[in-house]
Amino acid sequence: MSLFHIFLVAIIQGITEFLPVSSSGHLILLPALTGITDQGLAIDVAVHVGTLGAVILYFWADVRKAALGTPRMLTGRTDTEGSRLAFLLLIATIPVVIVGACLSALDLSSALRSVKVIGWTMLVFGIVLWWADQRGASHKTAADWNLRDAIVMGLWQALALIPGTSRSGITITGARQLGYERSEAARLAMLMSIPTIIASGVLLGVEVYATADFETAKDCAFAAVFAFGAAYLALGLMMRLLQSINFTPYVIYRIALGLVLLWIAYTTGDPMGPPA
């Protein structure tokens, strides 16, 4: 891969991973709409590692708290702030793991990677995000996160396995619907991304390990660094903006992109669909 191709993939992943606009949808669309060769599984893993590093660094205080509370949580005690956070993150991750395993077992993941699917999910879940953001109350903070809310948000997060949905977007939607403040909804969604990215990265990493070589490792290192920088900047910008604006700008972008993709899919044919 050329350095420009690696840079392009990493920047797209880094910017869109934590914004409610779907990173997977954009990465799937890149080769489909531009003709660029698909970046491959190794680069996918690398950019996810980069974004994982960014969210861990940005929310280091919460991550450290949960990490220190994990041993206590594993003994069945959730009587401290850290062990409680670790437990709730674990519970919130279970739905996406179960649904992901089912999709993989039924070989449905590839069938969902189409411009039509991404167009519809961009459009529909963008409108759902707007509805939840406008109608949702804003009386809860991360300190109010409980078992019921973790399960509900985990179920919302599982929908993100459909390309174009946006993991952060759909989780924020669930949090806003439950009454969390905008910045707190985003904070919880970002923390929930950590075990999810780790789980998917480990699974994909096992597949990549057997075929990795020096050239691939070098490309992956560049991709991870670029993705880390882009993700950290995008995450910081979004969290600052949420102090003064709502999610409507992201909704407008999703709706516009969704309509364009549906127009392409239904008028010129789906670039990722079966041949006519």
Protein backbone atom coordinates (compact mmCIF):
# COMPACT_ATOMS: atom_id res chain seq x y z
CA MET A 1 0.00 0.00 0.00
CA SER A 2 1.11 3.54 -0.69
CA LEU A 3 1.65 5.90 2.22
CA PHE A 4 -1.14 8.13 0.87
CA HIS A 5 -3.60 5.21 0.86
CA ILE A 6 -2.64 4.31 4.44
CA PHE A 7 -2.95 7.95 5.48
CA LEU A 8 -6.38 8.28 3.82
CA VAL A 9 -7.78 5.15 5.48
CA ALA A 10 -6.34 6.10 8.88
CA ILE A 11 -7.66 9.66 8.77
CA ILE A 12 -11.15 8.50 7.74
CA GLN A 13 -11.18 5.91 10.52
CA GLY A 14 -9.74 8.30 13.08
CA ILE A 15 -12.17 11.12 12.37
CA THR A 16 -15.31 9.01 12.03
CA GLU A 17 -14.74 6.36 14.74
CA PHE A 18 -16.09 8.48 17.59
CA LEU A 19 -18.29 10.90 15.67
CA PRO A 20 -21.87 9.61 15.21
CA VAL A 21 -21.43 9.12 11.45
CA SER A 22 -20.17 5.49 11.16
CA SER A 23 -16.48 4.74 10.59
CA SER A 24 -17.17 1.26 9.20
CA GLY A 25 -19.64 2.69 6.70
CA HIS A 26 -17.08 5.20 5.43
CA LEU A 27 -14.31 2.58 5.18
CA ILE A 28 -16.59 0.22 3.25
CA LEU A 29 -17.60 3.03 0.91
CA LEU A 30 -14.03 4.17 0.20
CA PRO A 31 -13.07 1.31 -2.16
CA ALA A 32 -16.65 0.92 -3.43
CA LEU A 33 -17.04 4.51 -4.61
CA THR A 34 -13.44 5.41 -5.53
CA GLY A 35 -12.09 2.20 -7.01
CA ILE A 36 -9.19 2.20 -4.52
CA THR A 37 -8.11 -1.28 -3.50
CA ASP A 38 -9.59 -2.42 -0.22
CA GLN A 39 -7.16 -1.74 2.60
CA GLY A 40 -7.32 -5.28 3.96
CA LEU A 41 -7.80 -6.78 7.38
CA ALA A 42 -4.35 -5.89 8.77
CA ILE A 43 -4.86 -2.16 8.22
CA ASP A 44 -8.38 -2.41 9.67
CA VAL A 45 -6.89 -3.84 12.86
CA ALA A 46 -4.14 -1.19 12.94
CA VAL A 47 -6.49 1.79 12.64
CA HIS A 48 -8.72 0.32 15.34
CA VAL A 49 -5.68 0.02 17.62
CA GLY A 50 -4.89 3.66 16.91
CA THR A 51 -8.39 4.85 17.78
CA LEU A 52 -8.40 2.64 20.87
CA GLY A 53 -5.26 4.39 22.09
CA ALA A 54 -6.89 7.78 21.49
CA VAL A 55 -10.04 7.08 23.51
CA ILE A 56 -8.05 5.49 26.34
CA LEU A 57 -5.77 8.53 26.57
CA TYR A 58 -8.63 11.05 26.36
CA PHE A 59 -10.68 9.34 29.08
CA TRP A 60 -7.67 8.13 31.05
CA ALA A 61 -9.12 9.03 34.45
CA ASP A 62 -12.21 6.85 33.85
CA VAL A 63 -10.20 4.08 32.19
CA ARG A 64 -7.72 3.95 35.08
CA LYS A 65 -10.59 3.83 37.56
CA ALA A 66 -12.24 0.91 35.74
CA ALA A 67 -8.94 -0.92 35.28
CA LEU A 68 -8.09 -0.67 38.99
CA GLY A 69 -11.61 -1.81 39.87
CA THR A 70 -11.57 -4.84 37.55
CA PRO A 71 -9.85 -7.28 39.97
CA ARG A 72 -12.43 -6.43 42.63
CA MET A 73 -15.25 -6.79 40.10
CA LEU A 74 -13.95 -10.24 39.09
CA THR A 75 -14.37 -11.37 42.68
CA GLY A 76 -18.04 -10.43 42.53
CA ARG A 77 -17.76 -7.15 44.43
CA THR A 78 -18.99 -3.93 42.84
CA ASP A 79 -18.98 -1.76 45.93
CA THR A 80 -16.45 0.80 44.67
CA GLU A 81 -16.78 3.32 41.87
CA GLY A 82 -14.12 1.59 39.77
CA SER A 83 -15.45 -1.96 40.19
CA ARG A 84 -18.97 -0.77 39.45
CA LEU A 85 -17.85 0.98 36.24
CA ALA A 86 -15.91 -2.10 35.14
CA PHE A 87 -18.96 -4.30 35.78
CA LEU A 88 -21.34 -2.04 33.86
CA LEU A 89 -18.94 -1.82 30.90
CA LEU A 90 -18.74 -5.62 30.86
CA ILE A 91 -22.53 -5.95 30.91
CA ALA A 92 -22.93 -3.34 28.16
CA THR A 93 -20.51 -5.26 25.91
CA ILE A 94 -22.28 -8.64 26.10
CA PRO A 95 -25.08 -7.89 23.55
CA VAL A 96 -22.68 -6.80 20.78
CA VAL A 97 -20.51 -9.89 21.35
CA ILE A 98 -23.52 -12.23 21.14
CA VAL A 99 -25.03 -10.55 18.07
CA GLY A 100 -21.61 -10.36 16.38
CA ALA A 101 -21.04 -14.07 16.96
CA CYS A 102 -24.48 -14.86 15.49
CA LEU A 103 -23.86 -12.74 12.39
CA SER A 104 -20.50 -14.42 11.90
CA ALA A 105 -21.91 -17.91 12.39
CA LEU A 106 -24.72 -17.24 9.91
CA ASP A 107 -22.28 -15.53 7.49
CA LEU A 108 -24.50 -12.45 7.31
CA SER A 109 -21.81 -9.78 7.77
CA SER A 110 -20.82 -9.71 4.09
CA ALA A 111 -24.45 -9.50 2.97
CA LEU A 112 -24.88 -6.26 4.92
CA ARG A 113 -21.88 -4.54 3.28
CA SER A 114 -23.74 -2.74 0.51
CA VAL A 115 -24.27 0.87 -0.50
CA LYS A 116 -28.04 0.42 -0.15
CA VAL A 117 -27.75 -0.83 3.42
CA ILE A 118 -25.31 1.94 4.38
CA GLY A 119 -27.51 4.56 2.71
CA TRP A 120 -30.62 3.45 4.60
CA THR A 121 -28.85 3.10 7.95
CA MET A 122 -27.21 6.51 7.55
CA LEU A 123 -30.62 8.05 6.86
CA VAL A 124 -32.83 6.16 9.30
CA PHE A 125 -30.51 6.10 12.30
CA GLY A 126 -29.61 9.74 11.69
CA ILE A 127 -33.28 10.64 12.08
CA VAL A 128 -33.53 8.41 15.17
CA LEU A 129 -30.52 10.21 16.69
CA TRP A 130 -32.17 13.58 16.01
CA TRP A 131 -35.44 12.39 17.59
CA ALA A 132 -33.72 11.08 20.72
CA ASP A 133 -31.54 14.17 21.03
CA GLN A 134 -34.45 16.59 20.69
CA ARG A 135 -36.94 14.71 22.87
CA GLY A 136 -34.59 13.18 25.40
CA ALA A 137 -34.37 14.72 28.86
CA SER A 138 -30.99 15.84 30.22
CA HIS A 139 -31.13 15.01 33.91
CA LYS A 140 -28.70 12.08 34.13
CA THR A 141 -24.91 12.03 34.38
CA ALA A 142 -22.42 9.18 34.17
CA ALA A 143 -22.71 8.80 37.95
CA ASP A 144 -26.34 7.70 37.43
CA TRP A 145 -25.38 4.83 35.11
CA ASN A 146 -26.96 1.63 36.42
CA LEU A 147 -27.45 -2.00 35.41
CA ARG A 148 -30.70 -1.40 33.52
CA ASP A 149 -29.23 1.49 31.52
CA ALA A 150 -26.08 -0.49 30.73
CA ILE A 151 -28.19 -3.35 29.33
CA VAL A 152 -30.37 -0.98 27.29
CA MET A 153 -27.38 0.89 25.88
CA GLY A 154 -25.66 -2.43 25.16
CA LEU A 155 -28.66 -3.52 23.08
CA TRP A 156 -28.57 -0.25 21.18
CA GLN A 157 -24.84 -0.72 20.59
CA ALA A 158 -25.43 -4.15 19.05
CA LEU A 159 -27.31 -2.45 16.19
CA ALA A 160 -24.00 -0.90 15.16
CA LEU A 161 -22.98 -4.22 13.61
CA ILE A 162 -25.13 -3.14 10.66
CA PRO A 163 -22.75 -1.04 8.50
CA GLY A 164 -23.60 2.66 8.43
CA THR A 165 -25.36 2.64 11.80
CA SER A 166 -22.43 4.13 13.78
CA ARG A 167 -21.47 2.54 17.07
CA SER A 168 -21.03 5.86 18.82
CA GLY A 169 -24.13 7.33 17.19
CA ILE A 170 -26.50 4.53 18.13
CA THR A 171 -25.11 4.28 21.67
CA ILE A 172 -25.47 8.03 22.14
CA THR A 173 -29.03 7.69 20.80
CA GLY A 174 -29.79 5.12 23.49
CA ALA A 175 -28.21 7.27 26.19
CA ARG A 176 -30.11 10.40 25.16
CA GLN A 177 -33.35 8.40 25.08
CA LEU A 178 -32.61 7.34 28.65
CA GLY A 179 -32.17 10.96 29.72
CA TYR A 180 -28.40 11.46 29.84
CA GLU A 181 -26.92 14.89 29.16
CA ARG A 182 -25.31 15.22 25.73
CA SER A 183 -21.70 15.26 26.90
CA GLU A 184 -22.39 12.48 29.42
CA ALA A 185 -24.11 10.38 26.75
CA ALA A 186 -21.04 10.79 24.54
CA ARG A 187 -18.71 10.00 27.46
CA LEU A 188 -20.50 6.73 28.24
CA ALA A 189 -20.60 5.81 24.54
CA MET A 190 -16.84 6.37 24.27
CA LEU A 191 -16.12 4.28 27.36
CA MET A 192 -18.34 1.51 25.99
CA SER A 193 -16.28 1.55 22.80
CA ILE A 194 -13.13 0.43 24.62
CA PRO A 195 -14.05 -3.20 25.43
CA THR A 196 -15.87 -3.46 22.09
CA ILE A 197 -12.84 -2.33 20.09
CA ILE A 198 -10.57 -4.59 22.16
CA ALA A 199 -12.82 -7.61 21.53
CA SER A 200 -13.07 -7.02 17.77
CA GLY A 201 -9.35 -6.17 17.55
CA VAL A 202 -8.35 -9.43 19.24
CA LEU A 203 -10.57 -11.48 16.94
CA LEU A 204 -9.31 -9.77 13.80
CA GLY A 205 -5.74 -9.73 15.08
CA VAL A 206 -5.69 -13.51 15.40
CA GLU A 207 -6.56 -13.78 11.70
CA VAL A 208 -3.89 -11.27 10.70
CA TYR A 209 -1.07 -12.68 12.85
CA ALA A 210 -0.49 -15.79 10.74
CA THR A 211 0.09 -13.81 7.53
CA ALA A 212 1.89 -10.74 8.89
CA ASP A 213 5.33 -9.78 7.50
CA PHE A 214 7.71 -6.85 7.96
CA GLU A 215 6.17 -4.74 5.18
CA THR A 216 2.67 -5.29 6.55
CA ALA A 217 3.85 -4.48 10.07
CA LYS A 218 5.39 -1.22 8.85
CA ASP A 219 2.19 -0.20 7.06
CA CYS A 220 0.17 -1.05 10.17
CA ALA A 221 2.43 1.06 12.38
CA PHE A 222 1.92 4.10 10.17
CA ALA A 223 -1.83 3.48 10.04
CA ALA A 224 -2.11 3.19 13.82
CA VAL A 225 -0.20 6.44 14.42
CA PHE A 226 -2.21 8.41 11.85
CA ALA A 227 -5.51 7.03 13.19
CA PHE A 228 -4.51 7.82 16.77
CA GLY A 229 -3.80 11.47 15.96
CA ALA A 230 -6.96 11.98 13.92
CA ALA A 231 -9.17 10.22 16.49
CA TYR A 232 -7.77 12.17 19.44
CA LEU A 233 -8.32 15.51 17.70
CA ALA A 234 -11.82 14.59 16.49
CA LEU A 235 -12.82 13.28 19.91
CA GLY A 236 -11.57 16.37 21.69
CA LEU A 237 -13.35 18.66 19.24
CA MET A 238 -16.66 16.80 19.56
CA MET A 239 -16.59 16.78 23.36
CA ARG A 240 -15.88 20.53 23.45
CA LEU A 241 -18.59 21.33 20.90
CA LEU A 242 -21.18 19.35 22.87
CA GLN A 243 -20.93 21.95 25.61
CA SER A 244 -22.67 24.43 23.30
CA ILE A 245 -24.37 22.57 20.40
CA ASN A 246 -26.52 19.50 19.90
CA PHE A 247 -26.12 16.54 17.51
CA THR A 248 -28.06 18.17 14.65
CA PRO A 249 -24.96 18.95 12.47
CA TYR A 250 -24.07 15.24 12.48
CA VAL A 251 -27.68 14.34 11.70
CA ILE A 252 -27.71 16.69 8.70
CA TYR A 253 -24.49 15.11 7.42
CA ARG A 254 -25.91 11.59 7.86
CA ILE A 255 -29.15 12.41 6.07
CA ALA A 256 -27.35 14.14 3.18
CA LEU A 257 -24.87 11.29 2.73
CA GLY A 258 -27.64 8.69 3.08
CA LEU A 259 -29.72 10.34 0.35
CA VAL A 260 -26.72 10.56 -1.99
CA LEU A 261 -25.86 6.88 -1.43
CA LEU A 262 -29.45 5.79 -2.02
CA TRP A 263 -29.57 7.85 -5.22
CA ILE A 264 -26.36 6.15 -6.41
CA ALA A 265 -27.59 2.69 -5.44
CA TYR A 266 -31.02 2.98 -7.03
CA THR A 267 -30.13 4.95 -10.16
CA THR A 268 -26.69 3.71 -11.21
CA GLY A 269 -26.65 0.38 -9.42
CA ASP A 270 -25.09 -0.66 -6.13
CA PRO A 271 -21.26 -0.66 -6.60
CA MET A 272 -21.02 -3.37 -3.97
CA GLY A 273 -24.04 -5.38 -5.01
CA PRO A 274 -24.15 -8.45 -7.24
CA PRO A 275 -23.67 -7.92 -10.99
CA ALA A 276 -26.82 -7.11 -12.93
